[in-house]
Protein backbone atom coordinates (compact mmCIF):
# COMPACT_ATOMS: atom_id res chain seq x y z
CA MET A 1 18.21 -12.26 -5.81
CA LEU A 2 16.51 -9.75 -8.08
CA PHE A 3 18.31 -6.96 -10.36
CA GLY A 4 21.25 -7.56 -8.47
CA HIS A 5 19.80 -7.07 -5.03
CA GLU A 6 18.99 -10.15 -2.31
CA LYS A 7 16.66 -9.75 0.81
CA VAL A 8 15.49 -11.28 4.15
CA GLU A 9 12.82 -14.07 3.80
CA ILE A 10 10.82 -12.79 6.68
CA LEU A 11 6.86 -13.73 4.90
CA HIS A 12 5.31 -16.62 4.20
CA LEU A 13 4.99 -16.28 0.50
CA PRO A 14 3.06 -16.66 -2.11
CA THR A 15 -0.17 -15.01 -0.63
CA PRO A 16 -3.40 -16.24 -2.10
CA LEU A 17 -5.06 -15.53 -5.13
CA GLU A 18 -8.68 -16.33 -4.77
CA HIS A 19 -11.77 -15.88 -6.57
CA LEU A 20 -14.34 -13.91 -5.37
CA LYS A 21 -17.44 -15.64 -6.48
CA ASN A 22 -20.48 -13.87 -4.92
CA VAL A 23 -19.17 -10.54 -5.90
CA SER A 24 -18.28 -12.12 -9.03
CA GLU A 25 -21.84 -13.25 -9.99
CA ASP A 26 -23.34 -9.51 -8.68
CA LEU A 27 -21.02 -7.67 -10.68
CA GLY A 28 -21.18 -9.85 -13.67
CA VAL A 29 -17.15 -9.50 -13.35
CA ASN A 30 -14.77 -12.39 -12.75
CA VAL A 31 -13.03 -10.60 -9.58
CA TYR A 32 -10.05 -12.41 -7.87
CA CYS A 33 -8.15 -11.07 -4.72
CA LYS A 34 -4.75 -11.21 -4.20
CA ARG A 35 -4.49 -11.22 -0.58
CA ASP A 36 -1.28 -9.39 0.47
CA ASP A 37 -3.32 -8.43 3.71
CA LEU A 38 -2.40 -12.12 4.77
CA THR A 39 1.60 -11.53 5.00
CA ASN A 40 2.43 -12.29 8.57
CA LEU A 41 3.87 -9.65 10.58
CA ALA A 42 1.65 -7.07 12.55
CA THR A 43 -1.54 -7.86 10.72
CA GLY A 44 -0.05 -7.52 6.96
CA GLY A 45 0.19 -5.54 3.92
CA ASN A 46 1.84 -4.98 1.14
CA LYS A 47 5.17 -2.53 2.80
CA LEU A 48 6.23 -5.65 4.09
CA ARG A 49 7.39 -6.83 0.41
CA LYS A 50 9.83 -3.98 0.00
CA LEU A 51 10.86 -4.03 3.90
CA GLU A 52 12.18 -7.15 3.48
CA TYR A 53 14.77 -5.71 0.56
CA PHE A 54 15.57 -2.97 3.06
CA LEU A 55 16.23 -4.88 5.81
CA LYS A 56 18.91 -6.85 4.00
CA ASP A 57 20.37 -3.53 3.03
CA ALA A 58 20.42 -2.59 6.72
CA GLN A 59 21.68 -5.49 8.10
CA ASP A 60 24.40 -5.44 5.45
CA LYS A 61 25.40 -1.87 6.65
CA GLY A 62 25.38 -2.73 10.13
CA ALA A 63 22.31 -0.85 11.26
CA THR A 64 20.54 -1.33 14.59
CA MET A 65 17.86 0.89 14.57
CA LEU A 66 15.01 1.76 11.40
CA ILE A 67 13.81 5.31 11.16
CA THR A 68 10.99 5.86 8.46
CA GLU A 69 8.30 8.96 8.41
CA GLY A 70 4.86 9.08 7.02
CA GLY A 71 1.18 10.20 8.40
CA ALA A 72 0.46 9.79 11.90
CA GLN A 73 -1.20 6.50 11.12
CA THR A 74 1.56 5.23 8.65
CA ASN A 75 0.96 1.71 7.80
CA HIS A 76 4.60 1.39 6.75
CA GLY A 77 5.53 2.89 9.86
CA ARG A 78 3.57 0.30 11.36
CA LEU A 79 5.49 -2.41 9.44
CA THR A 80 8.44 -0.98 9.81
CA ALA A 81 8.74 -0.96 13.30
CA ALA A 82 7.44 -4.82 12.72
CA VAL A 83 10.59 -5.93 10.76
CA ALA A 84 13.11 -3.84 13.48
CA ALA A 85 10.96 -6.44 16.33
CA LYS A 86 11.28 -9.39 14.60
CA SER A 87 14.82 -8.81 13.49
CA GLY A 88 16.32 -7.33 17.01
CA LEU A 89 16.62 -4.00 15.72
CA LYS A 90 15.31 -0.49 17.40
CA SER A 91 12.70 1.58 15.42
CA ALA A 92 10.97 5.45 15.31
CA ILE A 93 8.71 6.61 13.04
CA VAL A 94 8.56 10.37 12.17
CA THR A 95 5.77 12.47 11.65
CA SER A 96 4.61 15.78 10.73
CA ASP A 97 1.18 15.21 11.47
CA PRO A 98 -0.13 16.72 15.14
CA TYR A 99 -0.94 14.00 17.61
CA PRO A 100 -4.42 12.74 16.87
CA GLY A 101 -5.34 12.91 20.77
CA GLU A 102 -5.42 9.07 21.56
CA ILE A 103 -3.26 5.73 21.16
CA SER A 104 -5.73 4.15 18.82
CA ALA A 105 -5.29 1.72 15.27
CA ASN A 106 -1.17 1.90 13.83
CA LEU A 107 -0.35 4.50 16.51
CA LEU A 108 -1.29 1.72 19.36
CA LEU A 109 0.49 -1.21 17.41
CA ASP A 110 3.43 0.79 16.94
CA GLY A 111 3.63 1.19 20.91
CA MET A 112 2.95 -2.14 21.21
CA LEU A 113 5.88 -3.17 18.88
CA GLY A 114 8.24 -0.96 21.06
CA CYS A 115 8.26 1.69 18.42
CA ASN A 116 8.85 5.51 19.56
CA VAL A 117 6.41 7.84 17.45
CA HIS A 118 8.26 11.53 17.23
CA PHE A 119 5.51 13.97 16.27
CA VAL A 120 7.39 16.90 14.91
CA LYS A 121 6.82 20.42 13.67
CA ASP A 122 8.57 20.39 10.24
CA MET A 123 9.48 16.78 8.49
CA GLU A 124 12.61 18.11 7.16
CA THR A 125 14.42 19.48 10.03
CA GLY A 126 12.51 17.23 12.41
CA ARG A 127 13.49 13.75 10.57
CA GLN A 128 17.14 14.80 11.02
CA ALA A 129 16.90 15.88 14.55
CA VAL A 130 15.37 12.21 15.49
CA ILE A 131 18.11 10.71 13.51
CA ASP A 132 21.00 12.95 14.94
CA LYS A 133 19.65 12.05 18.26
CA TYR A 134 19.48 8.20 17.98
CA THR A 135 22.85 8.58 16.47
CA SER A 136 24.28 10.44 19.24
CA GLU A 137 22.93 7.69 21.32
CA GLY A 138 25.43 5.00 19.79
CA GLU A 139 22.79 3.64 17.23
CA LYS A 140 23.58 2.89 14.14
CA VAL A 141 20.52 4.09 12.12
CA TYR A 142 19.41 3.19 8.49
CA TYR A 143 16.63 5.65 7.04
CA VAL A 144 13.63 3.56 4.95
CA PRO A 145 11.80 6.15 3.22
CA MET A 146 8.23 7.07 3.27
CA GLY A 147 6.13 4.04 1.96
CA GLY A 148 9.20 2.14 1.18
CA SER A 149 9.38 4.03 -2.21
CA ASN A 150 12.95 4.54 -3.72
CA GLU A 151 14.77 2.22 -6.39
CA LEU A 152 15.14 -0.27 -3.95
CA GLY A 153 11.73 -0.27 -2.60
CA VAL A 154 10.50 -1.52 -6.33
CA LEU A 155 11.72 -5.36 -5.61
CA GLY A 156 9.04 -6.28 -3.63
CA TYR A 157 6.52 -5.72 -6.10
CA ALA A 158 8.65 -6.69 -9.02
CA GLU A 159 8.92 -9.85 -7.09
CA CYS A 160 5.17 -9.92 -6.50
CA ALA A 161 4.43 -9.68 -10.42
CA PHE A 162 6.28 -12.85 -10.79
CA GLU A 163 4.49 -14.69 -8.09
CA LEU A 164 0.97 -13.12 -9.45
CA ASP A 165 1.60 -13.83 -13.37
CA ALA A 166 2.38 -17.96 -12.21
CA GLN A 167 -0.69 -17.64 -10.42
CA ALA A 168 -2.95 -16.12 -13.14
CA LYS A 169 -1.63 -18.52 -15.72
CA GLU A 170 -2.53 -21.45 -13.23
CA LEU A 171 -5.92 -20.38 -12.89
CA GLY A 172 -6.46 -19.43 -16.77
CA ILE A 173 -6.86 -15.52 -16.29
CA GLU A 174 -4.03 -14.17 -17.88
CA ASP A 175 -5.43 -11.40 -19.73
CA ALA A 176 -6.57 -10.00 -16.27
CA VAL A 177 -6.37 -6.31 -15.17
CA ILE A 178 -4.97 -5.55 -11.70
CA TYR A 179 -6.36 -2.91 -9.79
CA VAL A 180 -3.61 -1.63 -6.96
CA THR A 181 -3.51 1.47 -5.12
CA VAL A 182 -1.27 4.18 -6.36
CA GLY A 183 0.38 6.22 -3.25
CA SER A 184 3.86 6.66 -2.75
CA MET A 185 4.08 4.81 -6.39
CA SER A 186 6.71 1.73 -5.51
CA THR A 187 3.48 -0.98 -5.12
CA TYR A 188 2.51 0.11 -8.74
CA MET A 189 5.82 0.73 -10.04
CA GLY A 190 7.34 -2.57 -8.70
CA LEU A 191 4.30 -4.55 -10.68
CA LEU A 192 4.71 -2.44 -13.80
CA LEU A 193 8.70 -3.36 -13.44
CA GLY A 194 8.20 -7.21 -12.73
CA LEU A 195 5.25 -8.09 -15.11
CA LYS A 196 7.16 -6.38 -18.15
CA GLU A 197 10.45 -8.36 -16.87
CA CYS A 198 8.68 -11.60 -17.21
CA GLY A 199 6.52 -10.70 -20.27
CA SER A 200 3.75 -11.27 -18.46
CA THR A 201 0.08 -10.45 -20.34
CA LEU A 202 -1.53 -9.22 -17.36
CA ARG A 203 -2.32 -5.23 -17.24
CA VAL A 204 -2.17 -2.89 -14.14
CA ARG A 205 -4.17 -0.09 -13.64
CA GLY A 206 -3.57 2.17 -10.63
CA VAL A 207 -6.30 4.03 -8.68
CA ASN A 208 -4.97 7.22 -7.02
CA VAL A 209 -5.49 8.08 -3.26
CA LEU A 210 -2.70 10.65 -2.58
CA PRO A 211 -3.38 14.03 -4.46
CA TYR A 212 -0.50 15.22 -6.42
CA SER A 213 -1.59 18.55 -7.09
CA GLU A 214 -2.06 21.02 -4.75
CA ASN A 215 -5.66 20.92 -5.63
CA ALA A 216 -6.91 17.75 -4.42
CA ALA A 217 -10.18 18.18 -6.00
CA ASP A 218 -8.36 19.21 -9.49
CA GLU A 219 -8.78 15.49 -11.13
CA ALA A 220 -7.04 16.46 -14.36
CA GLY A 221 -4.23 18.52 -12.33
CA ASN A 222 -3.58 15.11 -10.07
CA GLU A 223 -3.29 13.18 -13.43
CA LYS A 224 -1.39 15.20 -14.90
CA ALA A 225 1.18 15.82 -11.81
CA LEU A 226 1.18 12.22 -11.00
CA ARG A 227 2.25 11.22 -14.07
CA GLU A 228 4.93 13.42 -14.41
CA SER A 229 5.99 11.76 -10.82
CA LEU A 230 5.34 8.24 -12.08
CA SER A 231 8.10 8.95 -15.13
CA ASP A 232 10.60 11.01 -13.05
CA TYR A 233 10.23 7.85 -10.68
CA TYR A 234 10.90 5.23 -13.53
CA LYS A 235 14.07 7.48 -14.84
CA ARG A 236 15.61 7.07 -11.36
CA VAL A 237 14.96 3.14 -11.20
CA CYS A 238 16.33 2.89 -14.71
CA GLY A 239 19.49 4.92 -13.21
CA PHE A 240 19.94 2.86 -10.18
CA TYR A 241 19.89 -0.64 -11.77
CA GLY A 242 21.69 0.76 -15.15
CA ARG A 243 19.17 -0.65 -17.81
CA ASP A 244 15.60 0.58 -19.09
CA PHE A 245 13.16 -1.74 -18.62
CA GLY A 246 10.90 -1.22 -21.53
CA ILE A 247 8.39 1.14 -20.12
CA THR A 248 6.67 3.89 -21.47
CA ASP A 249 4.63 6.75 -20.18
CA GLY A 250 1.59 5.43 -22.08
CA ASP A 251 2.08 2.22 -20.17
CA PHE A 252 1.12 4.37 -17.03
CA ASP A 253 -2.71 3.20 -16.47
CA ILE A 254 -4.22 5.42 -13.92
CA THR A 255 -7.25 6.80 -12.92
CA THR A 256 -7.66 9.87 -10.18
CA ALA A 257 -11.62 9.85 -10.23
CA TYR A 258 -11.41 8.20 -6.66
CA ILE A 259 -9.59 10.27 -4.74
CA HIS A 260 -12.72 12.42 -3.51
CA GLY A 261 -11.34 15.66 -2.77
CA ALA A 262 -8.30 14.43 0.09
CA TYR A 263 -6.22 11.92 1.51
CA ASN A 264 -7.44 9.26 3.90
CA ASN A 265 -10.55 11.20 4.15
CA ALA A 266 -14.20 9.72 5.34
CA VAL A 267 -16.12 9.09 2.65
CA GLU A 268 -19.70 7.10 2.25
CA GLU A 269 -19.02 5.71 -1.06
CA VAL A 270 -15.52 3.97 0.01
CA ARG A 271 -17.76 2.88 3.41
CA ASP A 272 -20.18 1.06 1.30
CA VAL A 273 -17.92 -0.71 -0.74
CA MET A 274 -16.23 -1.69 2.45
CA TYR A 275 -19.66 -2.84 3.86
CA TYR A 276 -20.19 -4.51 0.46
CA LEU A 277 -16.92 -6.88 0.59
CA ALA A 278 -17.31 -7.85 4.30
CA ARG A 279 -20.66 -9.24 3.68
CA LYS A 280 -20.11 -10.69 0.31
CA GLU A 281 -16.75 -12.28 0.94
CA ALA A 282 -15.99 -11.55 4.75
CA ILE A 283 -13.05 -9.76 3.52
CA ILE A 284 -12.14 -6.36 5.46
CA ILE A 285 -10.60 -3.14 3.66
CA ASP A 286 -9.65 -0.22 4.72
CA PRO A 287 -11.04 3.31 4.20
CA CYS A 288 -7.96 5.36 2.93
CA TYR A 289 -6.19 2.90 0.62
CA THR A 290 -7.94 -0.40 -0.47
CA GLY A 291 -11.32 1.05 -0.15
CA LYS A 292 -11.08 3.34 -3.11
CA THR A 293 -9.48 0.90 -4.99
CA PHE A 294 -12.12 -1.50 -4.74
CA GLU A 295 -14.69 1.20 -5.42
CA ALA A 296 -13.47 1.69 -8.95
CA ILE A 297 -13.66 -2.01 -9.17
CA VAL A 298 -17.56 -1.91 -8.41
CA ASP A 299 -17.50 1.41 -9.77
CA GLY A 300 -16.59 0.12 -13.26
CA ALA A 301 -18.19 -2.92 -13.39
CA LYS A 302 -21.61 -1.36 -12.63
CA ASN A 303 -20.94 1.37 -15.45
CA GLY A 304 -19.45 -0.55 -18.38
CA ALA A 305 -16.15 0.55 -18.10
CA ILE A 306 -15.11 -2.72 -17.12
CA GLU A 307 -16.37 -5.37 -19.93
CA ARG A 308 -18.78 -7.91 -18.48
CA GLY A 309 -17.21 -11.57 -17.71
CA SER A 310 -13.64 -10.02 -17.97
CA ASN A 311 -10.93 -11.05 -15.61
CA VAL A 312 -10.15 -8.51 -12.89
CA ILE A 313 -7.42 -9.00 -9.75
CA PHE A 314 -8.08 -6.63 -6.83
CA MET A 315 -4.86 -6.12 -5.22
CA HIS A 316 -5.52 -6.22 -1.45
CA THR A 317 -2.38 -4.57 0.15
CA GLY A 318 -3.73 -4.13 3.81
CA GLY A 319 -4.41 -1.41 5.89
CA LEU A 320 -6.82 -3.12 8.65
CA PRO A 321 -5.75 -0.72 11.51
CA GLY A 322 -6.91 2.32 9.50
CA ILE A 323 -10.89 1.51 10.56
CA TYR A 324 -10.08 2.31 14.27
CA THR A 325 -8.56 5.56 13.32
CA LEU A 326 -11.11 7.83 15.10
CA HIS A 327 -12.58 10.11 11.92
CA HIS A 328 -13.07 6.62 10.55
CA ARG A 329 -14.51 5.44 13.43
CA VAL A 330 -16.94 7.84 14.15
CA GLU A 331 -18.57 7.37 10.88
CA PHE A 332 -18.43 3.32 10.95
CA GLU A 333 -20.16 3.64 14.73
CA ARG A 334 -22.74 5.85 13.69
CA GLU A 335 -23.90 3.83 10.49
CA LEU A 336 -23.81 0.25 12.68
CA MET A 337 -25.44 1.45 15.38
CA PRO A 338 -28.57 -0.31 14.01
CA TYR A 339 -27.16 -3.65 14.31
CA MET A 340 -26.61 -3.22 17.82
CA HIS A 341 -29.68 -4.62 20.02
CA ILE A 342 -29.45 -3.61 23.48
CA GLU A 343 -31.73 -5.26 25.41
CA GLU A 344 -32.75 -3.21 28.58
């Protein structure tokens, strides 16, 4: 039980914290990778830690079906479907994105998991219409918020923070900085809460990939809007749990320098670090989340923002299916064609 809430244990934990020897030697920085891509359902990912808590709440409320929302290629939706399948529940995803013209990547896995994906014109009305549809058919629907990012959702990575703190102590890297993606915020917020709660000396640096300003290219505007959103989120968390965890706005260490002007866009610099990590360590990262976060580490090591010889932990949050989405795949295929040798 954490902060008064239980979970359903469906994951093989702890996930490994491994030293990236080749990358570390090349960059002059001691880089470690927290392998939360290795969580054990439907190709894994960070959302599963949160979903253990949502699943317990859903079961306690007698739910027969999980419904969530997100982009057409939502990793969170895929993993919600996975948890539902594993637990004998039905599932559905609501998205206001247009149908991409093919069933690939996460959409393909959604279908394999038996999850219905509803493409709606307006999320607010569409979501409720989908919930009403299944309710009228006799389902007891439990709604999981986008990204699992609400007051309950922080528990998954608060718990992970305890796990990571123990692993860091065992490796003697208690002074490390954790680099983690900031999208819908609960992974980042959960880590902050957990590290504060256990008195850890680890620090967290969030790499924002989801624009919070209307102008995605406005770095300063994105940072201001994100900080306001984090502050509001933290206040809601404190209210939900009836306590102050001792986090101040000054604890929000974030960068918005790696959004590259949009969310989930195809970016050459991101693909470059994906190739780099694959060829150095045989670790695959995705072009939307972890690719941009790892770019911040490589860039920081090269420009001196990360001190030589210091310890860095890269939080690998999964997202593997993202490399198979059409707008990313065409760029990979173009760049990797020279590796294909067709004998005629």
